[in-house]
Amino acid sequence: MSKKEFILDQLEVCRNAESWIKPLSIALENLSLEDIMWRQEESSHTIGEIVYHLYFYNERWLKRFKGEIPEEVIESNASTFRGIENFTIKSWLELVNRLDENLANWQKVIMESTEAKLYEQIPNFPVDAEWWRALSNLCTHNVYHIGQIIYIRKAQGSWKIRD
């Protein structure tokens, strides 16, 4: 399996293909506004905050992969878990759609890129890192948070077993 096939497989599993994990498309099904804003305890994140965090990093890295310089400065990782106090179902669905479109764009961009591109060093990155390694880590990051979303749903009682 080439690195390109490997990354495409990981992206597909994160986005919408059931494998050992449930993909984001299933993890985010049938959520109410109360579900996405529910917080198990004061120090934990909501599903809405996690989804924004995923959108933020996937979008940021996609821009970087395309050669664009991300404009937004990150104060801290914690600042990427944006509050959703004023969310409506419409704005929630728009965020979910933007994240899905972003993951679809990742799949398209990787499909259209060469295998050699994945072995290139990431420009202007503080350490030596090849693209395929960073993208594999991005997918691992996505899966970690998908697991968090499912855990939160189980804790709140909104997860219906789909085994």
Protein backbone atom coordinates (compact mmCIF):
# COMPACT_ATOMS: atom_id res chain seq x y z
CA MET A 1 0.00 0.00 0.00
CA SER A 2 1.41 3.38 -0.97
CA LYS A 3 1.43 6.31 1.45
CA LYS A 4 -1.21 7.95 -0.73
CA GLU A 5 -3.51 4.91 -0.46
CA PHE A 6 -2.81 4.75 3.28
CA ILE A 7 -3.77 8.41 3.87
CA LEU A 8 -6.87 8.08 1.67
CA ASP A 9 -7.95 5.03 3.68
CA GLN A 10 -7.49 6.88 6.96
CA LEU A 11 -9.42 9.89 5.69
CA GLU A 12 -12.28 7.68 4.52
CA VAL A 13 -12.49 5.93 7.89
CA CYS A 14 -12.49 9.28 9.70
CA ARG A 15 -15.16 10.72 7.46
CA ASN A 16 -17.74 8.10 6.57
CA ALA A 17 -16.55 4.49 6.27
CA GLU A 18 -17.28 2.14 9.15
CA SER A 19 -14.24 0.17 10.20
CA TRP A 20 -12.92 -0.62 13.66
CA ILE A 21 -14.30 2.76 14.64
CA LYS A 22 -17.46 4.64 13.84
CA PRO A 23 -16.77 7.51 11.43
CA LEU A 24 -17.60 11.13 12.12
CA SER A 25 -20.71 10.91 9.92
CA ILE A 26 -22.21 8.35 12.30
CA ALA A 27 -20.84 9.91 15.50
CA LEU A 28 -22.68 13.15 14.64
CA GLU A 29 -26.03 11.64 13.59
CA ASN A 30 -29.30 12.64 15.23
CA LEU A 31 -27.98 15.12 17.76
CA SER A 32 -30.23 17.72 19.35
CA LEU A 33 -29.09 21.21 20.31
CA GLU A 34 -29.07 20.06 23.93
CA ASP A 35 -26.84 17.10 23.02
CA ILE A 36 -24.21 19.23 21.29
CA MET A 37 -24.12 21.76 24.12
CA TRP A 38 -24.15 19.20 26.98
CA ARG A 39 -21.14 19.25 29.27
CA GLN A 40 -20.47 16.33 31.60
CA GLU A 41 -18.55 18.57 33.98
CA GLU A 42 -17.26 22.11 33.90
CA SER A 43 -13.77 21.14 32.71
CA SER A 44 -14.93 18.90 29.84
CA HIS A 45 -15.67 19.92 26.26
CA THR A 46 -19.02 19.78 24.53
CA ILE A 47 -19.56 17.93 21.26
CA GLY A 48 -19.99 21.31 19.57
CA GLU A 49 -16.63 22.54 20.85
CA ILE A 50 -14.90 19.35 19.71
CA VAL A 51 -16.44 19.57 16.25
CA TYR A 52 -15.28 23.19 15.90
CA HIS A 53 -11.78 22.13 17.02
CA LEU A 54 -11.73 19.38 14.37
CA TYR A 55 -12.93 21.79 11.72
CA PHE A 56 -10.31 24.35 12.71
CA TYR A 57 -7.34 21.98 12.49
CA ASN A 58 -8.45 20.09 9.38
CA GLU A 59 -9.08 23.38 7.56
CA ARG A 60 -5.78 24.88 8.75
CA TRP A 61 -3.73 21.89 7.63
CA LEU A 62 -5.56 21.65 4.29
CA LYS A 63 -4.66 25.28 3.55
CA ARG A 64 -1.06 24.56 4.49
CA PHE A 65 -0.98 21.47 2.25
CA LYS A 66 -2.25 23.61 -0.65
CA GLY A 67 0.57 26.10 -0.03
CA GLU A 68 -1.56 28.75 1.64
CA ILE A 69 -0.41 30.41 4.83
CA PRO A 70 -3.00 30.12 7.62
CA GLU A 71 -3.99 33.63 8.68
CA GLU A 72 -5.44 32.96 12.10
CA VAL A 73 -2.95 32.96 14.94
CA ILE A 74 -3.48 30.24 17.51
CA GLU A 75 -3.18 31.55 21.06
CA SER A 76 -3.28 28.01 22.44
CA ASN A 77 -4.74 24.63 21.58
CA ALA A 78 -7.47 25.34 24.14
CA SER A 79 -8.55 28.41 22.15
CA THR A 80 -9.52 26.17 19.21
CA PHE A 81 -12.37 24.63 21.22
CA ARG A 82 -14.75 27.48 20.46
CA GLY A 83 -17.79 28.08 22.58
CA ILE A 84 -21.16 27.41 21.05
CA GLU A 85 -23.40 29.33 23.42
CA ASN A 86 -25.36 30.94 20.58
CA PHE A 87 -25.62 27.89 18.35
CA THR A 88 -28.84 27.09 16.59
CA ILE A 89 -29.64 23.84 14.83
CA LYS A 90 -29.01 25.69 11.56
CA SER A 91 -25.54 26.91 12.58
CA TRP A 92 -24.72 23.46 14.00
CA LEU A 93 -25.66 21.75 10.74
CA GLU A 94 -23.62 24.32 8.80
CA LEU A 95 -20.56 23.55 10.96
CA VAL A 96 -21.02 19.79 10.50
CA ASN A 97 -21.41 20.33 6.75
CA ARG A 98 -18.26 22.51 6.60
CA LEU A 99 -16.28 19.83 8.45
CA ASP A 100 -17.58 17.11 6.11
CA GLU A 101 -16.78 19.25 3.05
CA ASN A 102 -13.31 19.83 4.46
CA LEU A 103 -12.72 16.09 4.88
CA ALA A 104 -14.05 15.50 1.35
CA ASN A 105 -11.66 18.19 0.08
CA TRP A 106 -8.82 16.41 1.86
CA GLN A 107 -9.72 13.22 0.03
CA LYS A 108 -9.86 15.06 -3.31
CA VAL A 109 -6.57 16.89 -2.77
CA ILE A 110 -4.75 13.72 -1.75
CA MET A 111 -6.25 11.81 -4.68
CA GLU A 112 -4.97 14.51 -7.04
CA SER A 113 -1.53 14.84 -5.43
CA THR A 114 1.49 12.79 -6.32
CA GLU A 115 3.04 10.18 -4.08
CA ALA A 116 6.20 12.31 -4.09
CA LYS A 117 4.31 15.26 -2.53
CA LEU A 118 3.58 13.13 0.53
CA TYR A 119 7.30 12.60 1.07
CA GLU A 120 8.11 16.32 0.90
CA GLN A 121 9.08 18.21 4.03
CA ILE A 122 6.41 20.56 5.35
CA PRO A 123 7.59 24.07 4.47
CA ASN A 124 8.08 26.58 7.29
CA PHE A 125 7.46 23.98 9.96
CA PRO A 126 9.53 24.15 13.15
CA VAL A 127 10.73 20.54 12.85
CA ASP A 128 11.57 18.23 9.96
CA ALA A 129 8.34 16.48 9.06
CA GLU A 130 7.12 14.80 5.92
CA TRP A 131 3.54 15.41 4.79
CA TRP A 132 2.43 11.78 5.00
CA ARG A 133 3.45 11.59 8.67
CA ALA A 134 1.66 14.82 9.55
CA LEU A 135 -1.47 13.69 7.70
CA SER A 136 -1.42 10.34 9.44
CA ASN A 137 -1.21 12.20 12.75
CA LEU A 138 -4.08 14.48 11.68
CA CYS A 139 -6.22 11.40 11.05
CA THR A 140 -5.22 9.94 14.43
CA HIS A 141 -6.22 13.27 15.99
CA ASN A 142 -9.60 13.05 14.24
CA VAL A 143 -10.16 9.50 15.47
CA TYR A 144 -9.25 10.47 19.03
CA HIS A 145 -11.92 13.17 19.03
CA ILE A 146 -14.48 10.95 17.30
CA GLY A 147 -14.00 8.57 20.24
CA GLN A 148 -14.54 11.48 22.63
CA ILE A 149 -17.77 12.40 20.87
CA ILE A 150 -19.07 8.85 21.14
CA TYR A 151 -18.02 8.69 24.80
CA ILE A 152 -19.90 11.93 25.50
CA ARG A 153 -22.95 10.61 23.69
CA LYS A 154 -22.88 7.43 25.76
CA ALA A 155 -22.57 9.48 28.96
CA GLN A 156 -25.54 11.68 28.02
CA GLY A 157 -27.62 8.76 26.76
CA SER A 158 -27.89 9.93 23.13
CA TRP A 159 -25.83 7.10 21.63
CA LYS A 160 -27.86 4.29 20.16
CA ILE A 161 -25.78 1.14 19.77
CA ARG A 162 -25.12 0.42 16.09
CA ASP A 163 -22.93 -2.68 16.29
